Amino acid sequence: MEESQYDQATIEVNGTEVWRNPASGHLQDTSWTLQTVDISAIADNNPNVVVTFRLVSDSGLQFGGWNIDDRSEEHTSELQSH
């Protein structure tokens, strides 16, 4: 995907942007890569979480868009000592 001045790829959680493709430099993965996005600031203690993957593209260069597979969410918590 092109840099974000041309193509805007975002991940939003409950309408808040938590990730955006870089402003400079194209993203061109040649294999599957693991990506981690921390959404805890928005999702913690929220029973209604909506994750949105958005891609807005221009008519310039044509690269691949999103390739999402095996999405997962993990809950982590800190242990409290008494």
N, C-alpha and C. Protein backbone atom coordinates (compact mmCIF):
# COMPACT_ATOMS: atom_id res chain seq x y z
N MET A 1 0.85 -1.16 0.00
CA MET A 1 0.00 0.00 0.00
C MET A 1 0.90 1.23 0.00
N GLU A 2 0.41 2.27 -0.65
CA GLU A 2 1.20 3.49 -0.74
C GLU A 2 1.27 4.20 0.60
N GLU A 3 2.20 5.13 0.69
CA GLU A 3 2.31 5.96 1.88
C GLU A 3 1.01 6.72 2.11
N SER A 4 0.78 7.17 3.34
CA SER A 4 -0.55 7.68 3.71
C SER A 4 -0.93 9.01 3.07
N GLN A 5 0.00 9.68 2.40
CA GLN A 5 -0.44 10.88 1.69
C GLN A 5 -1.27 10.50 0.46
N TYR A 6 -1.20 9.23 0.03
CA TYR A 6 -1.97 8.76 -1.12
C TYR A 6 -3.05 7.75 -0.72
N ASP A 7 -2.67 6.73 0.04
CA ASP A 7 -3.61 5.71 0.51
C ASP A 7 -3.63 5.76 2.03
N GLN A 8 -4.81 5.81 2.61
CA GLN A 8 -4.93 5.85 4.06
C GLN A 8 -5.50 4.53 4.57
N ALA A 9 -4.66 3.81 5.28
CA ALA A 9 -5.09 2.57 5.93
C ALA A 9 -5.09 2.85 7.43
N THR A 10 -6.22 2.58 8.07
CA THR A 10 -6.32 2.85 9.49
C THR A 10 -6.99 1.69 10.21
N ILE A 11 -6.67 1.57 11.48
CA ILE A 11 -7.39 0.68 12.38
C ILE A 11 -8.01 1.59 13.43
N GLU A 12 -9.31 1.43 13.63
CA GLU A 12 -10.03 2.24 14.61
C GLU A 12 -10.66 1.32 15.65
N VAL A 13 -10.70 1.79 16.86
CA VAL A 13 -11.38 1.09 17.94
C VAL A 13 -12.42 2.05 18.50
N ASN A 14 -13.68 1.65 18.40
CA ASN A 14 -14.79 2.50 18.82
C ASN A 14 -14.67 3.91 18.25
N GLY A 15 -14.26 4.00 16.97
CA GLY A 15 -14.18 5.28 16.29
C GLY A 15 -12.91 6.07 16.52
N THR A 16 -11.99 5.56 17.35
CA THR A 16 -10.73 6.23 17.62
C THR A 16 -9.61 5.54 16.86
N GLU A 17 -8.86 6.30 16.09
CA GLU A 17 -7.76 5.73 15.32
C GLU A 17 -6.63 5.27 16.24
N VAL A 18 -6.23 4.00 16.08
CA VAL A 18 -5.14 3.45 16.89
C VAL A 18 -3.93 3.06 16.04
N TRP A 19 -4.08 3.06 14.71
CA TRP A 19 -2.98 2.76 13.81
C TRP A 19 -3.25 3.40 12.45
N ARG A 20 -2.16 3.88 11.79
CA ARG A 20 -2.25 4.43 10.44
C ARG A 20 -0.97 4.06 9.71
N ASN A 21 -1.08 3.81 8.41
CA ASN A 21 0.12 3.52 7.63
C ASN A 21 1.03 4.74 7.62
N PRO A 22 2.34 4.53 7.45
CA PRO A 22 3.30 5.63 7.53
C PRO A 22 3.06 6.72 6.49
N ALA A 23 3.46 7.95 6.84
CA ALA A 23 3.31 9.08 5.93
C ALA A 23 4.29 8.99 4.77
N SER A 24 5.42 8.35 4.99
CA SER A 24 6.39 8.19 3.91
C SER A 24 6.84 6.74 3.85
N GLY A 25 7.02 6.25 2.65
CA GLY A 25 7.43 4.86 2.46
C GLY A 25 6.24 3.95 2.26
N HIS A 26 6.28 3.19 1.21
CA HIS A 26 5.21 2.24 0.91
C HIS A 26 5.35 1.01 1.80
N LEU A 27 4.24 0.36 2.09
CA LEU A 27 4.24 -0.91 2.81
C LEU A 27 4.09 -2.02 1.78
N GLN A 28 5.11 -2.85 1.65
CA GLN A 28 5.09 -3.93 0.67
C GLN A 28 5.63 -5.20 1.32
N ASP A 29 4.79 -5.88 2.06
CA ASP A 29 5.19 -7.14 2.67
C ASP A 29 5.26 -8.22 1.60
N THR A 30 6.27 -9.07 1.69
CA THR A 30 6.41 -10.17 0.75
C THR A 30 6.02 -11.50 1.39
N SER A 31 5.66 -11.46 2.66
CA SER A 31 5.18 -12.65 3.37
C SER A 31 4.31 -12.17 4.52
N TRP A 32 3.64 -13.11 5.16
CA TRP A 32 2.81 -12.76 6.31
C TRP A 32 3.71 -12.25 7.43
N THR A 33 3.28 -11.18 8.08
CA THR A 33 4.02 -10.64 9.20
C THR A 33 3.07 -10.44 10.37
N LEU A 34 3.58 -10.63 11.57
CA LEU A 34 2.78 -10.42 12.77
C LEU A 34 2.79 -8.93 13.11
N GLN A 35 1.62 -8.39 13.34
CA GLN A 35 1.49 -6.99 13.75
C GLN A 35 0.74 -6.97 15.07
N THR A 36 1.18 -6.15 15.98
CA THR A 36 0.52 -6.02 17.28
C THR A 36 0.12 -4.57 17.48
N VAL A 37 -1.14 -4.35 17.82
CA VAL A 37 -1.65 -3.01 18.08
C VAL A 37 -2.30 -3.04 19.47
N ASP A 38 -1.80 -2.21 20.36
CA ASP A 38 -2.33 -2.16 21.73
C ASP A 38 -3.58 -1.28 21.75
N ILE A 39 -4.72 -1.88 22.06
CA ILE A 39 -5.98 -1.14 22.11
C ILE A 39 -6.50 -1.01 23.54
N SER A 40 -5.66 -1.33 24.51
CA SER A 40 -6.10 -1.39 25.90
C SER A 40 -6.62 -0.05 26.43
N ALA A 41 -6.07 1.06 25.96
CA ALA A 41 -6.53 2.36 26.46
C ALA A 41 -8.01 2.60 26.15
N ILE A 42 -8.50 1.97 25.10
CA ILE A 42 -9.90 2.15 24.71
C ILE A 42 -10.74 0.95 25.11
N ALA A 43 -10.17 -0.24 25.02
CA ALA A 43 -10.96 -1.46 25.19
C ALA A 43 -11.08 -1.95 26.63
N ASP A 44 -10.10 -1.63 27.48
CA ASP A 44 -10.15 -2.14 28.85
C ASP A 44 -11.45 -1.74 29.54
N ASN A 45 -12.06 -2.71 30.18
CA ASN A 45 -13.31 -2.53 30.94
C ASN A 45 -14.45 -2.00 30.08
N ASN A 46 -14.39 -2.23 28.78
CA ASN A 46 -15.45 -1.81 27.87
C ASN A 46 -16.07 -3.06 27.26
N PRO A 47 -17.32 -3.36 27.58
CA PRO A 47 -17.95 -4.58 27.05
C PRO A 47 -18.35 -4.48 25.58
N ASN A 48 -18.31 -3.29 24.99
CA ASN A 48 -18.73 -3.09 23.60
C ASN A 48 -17.60 -2.49 22.79
N VAL A 49 -16.74 -3.35 22.27
CA VAL A 49 -15.59 -2.89 21.49
C VAL A 49 -15.81 -3.22 20.02
N VAL A 50 -15.65 -2.21 19.16
CA VAL A 50 -15.78 -2.40 17.72
C VAL A 50 -14.44 -2.03 17.08
N VAL A 51 -13.85 -2.99 16.36
CA VAL A 51 -12.59 -2.76 15.66
C VAL A 51 -12.92 -2.63 14.18
N THR A 52 -12.44 -1.54 13.56
CA THR A 52 -12.70 -1.27 12.14
C THR A 52 -11.38 -1.17 11.39
N PHE A 53 -11.28 -1.90 10.29
CA PHE A 53 -10.14 -1.81 9.38
C PHE A 53 -10.62 -1.01 8.18
N ARG A 54 -9.96 0.11 7.89
CA ARG A 54 -10.42 1.00 6.83
C ARG A 54 -9.28 1.25 5.83
N LEU A 55 -9.61 1.26 4.55
CA LEU A 55 -8.63 1.57 3.50
C LEU A 55 -9.29 2.52 2.50
N VAL A 56 -8.68 3.70 2.34
CA VAL A 56 -9.11 4.68 1.35
C VAL A 56 -7.95 4.84 0.38
N SER A 57 -8.21 4.60 -0.90
CA SER A 57 -7.14 4.59 -1.89
C SER A 57 -7.40 5.61 -2.99
N ASP A 58 -6.31 6.14 -3.55
CA ASP A 58 -6.44 7.02 -4.70
C ASP A 58 -6.34 6.20 -5.99
N SER A 59 -6.33 6.88 -7.12
CA SER A 59 -6.27 6.15 -8.39
C SER A 59 -4.86 6.11 -8.97
N GLY A 60 -3.86 6.43 -8.14
CA GLY A 60 -2.47 6.43 -8.59
C GLY A 60 -1.91 5.02 -8.68
N LEU A 61 -0.79 4.79 -8.02
CA LEU A 61 -0.16 3.47 -8.03
C LEU A 61 -1.12 2.42 -7.47
N GLN A 62 -0.96 1.20 -7.91
CA GLN A 62 -1.83 0.12 -7.44
C GLN A 62 -0.99 -0.93 -6.74
N PHE A 63 -1.09 -0.94 -5.42
CA PHE A 63 -0.46 -1.96 -4.59
C PHE A 63 -1.56 -2.80 -3.96
N GLY A 64 -1.17 -3.87 -3.31
CA GLY A 64 -2.15 -4.68 -2.57
C GLY A 64 -2.68 -3.88 -1.39
N GLY A 65 -3.83 -4.23 -0.93
CA GLY A 65 -4.44 -3.55 0.22
C GLY A 65 -4.25 -4.38 1.48
N TRP A 66 -5.30 -4.49 2.26
CA TRP A 66 -5.25 -5.28 3.49
C TRP A 66 -5.23 -6.77 3.16
N ASN A 67 -4.43 -7.51 3.88
CA ASN A 67 -4.46 -8.97 3.90
C ASN A 67 -4.46 -9.35 5.37
N ILE A 68 -5.63 -9.61 5.90
CA ILE A 68 -5.77 -9.87 7.34
C ILE A 68 -6.18 -11.32 7.52
N ASP A 69 -5.44 -12.01 8.38
CA ASP A 69 -5.73 -13.42 8.64
C ASP A 69 -5.44 -13.70 10.11
N ASP A 70 -6.22 -14.55 10.69
CA ASP A 70 -6.00 -15.00 12.07
C ASP A 70 -5.93 -13.84 13.06
N ARG A 71 -6.88 -12.95 13.01
CA ARG A 71 -6.95 -11.85 13.97
C ARG A 71 -7.33 -12.42 15.33
N SER A 72 -6.69 -11.91 16.38
CA SER A 72 -7.04 -12.37 17.72
C SER A 72 -6.93 -11.23 18.70
N GLU A 73 -7.63 -11.38 19.79
CA GLU A 73 -7.56 -10.42 20.89
C GLU A 73 -7.09 -11.17 22.12
N GLU A 74 -6.27 -10.51 22.88
CA GLU A 74 -5.78 -11.11 24.12
C GLU A 74 -6.07 -10.17 25.28
N HIS A 75 -6.46 -10.75 26.37
CA HIS A 75 -6.67 -9.99 27.59
C HIS A 75 -5.52 -10.26 28.53
N THR A 76 -4.91 -9.23 28.98
CA THR A 76 -3.84 -9.39 29.98
C THR A 76 -4.20 -8.58 31.20
N SER A 77 -3.79 -9.05 32.32
CA SER A 77 -4.04 -8.31 33.55
C SER A 77 -2.82 -8.43 34.46
N GLU A 78 -2.68 -7.43 35.29
CA GLU A 78 -1.58 -7.45 36.23
C GLU A 78 -2.04 -8.14 37.51
N LEU A 79 -1.16 -8.94 38.05
CA LEU A 79 -1.47 -9.59 39.32
C LEU A 79 -1.26 -8.59 40.45
N GLN A 80 -2.21 -8.58 41.37
CA GLN A 80 -2.08 -7.70 42.52
C GLN A 80 -1.71 -8.52 43.73
N SER A 81 -0.71 -8.08 44.44
CA SER A 81 -0.32 -8.79 45.67
C SER A 81 -0.99 -8.12 46.85
N HIS A 82 -1.36 -8.94 47.80
CA HIS A 82 -2.03 -8.42 49.00
C HIS A 82 -1.14 -8.54 50.19
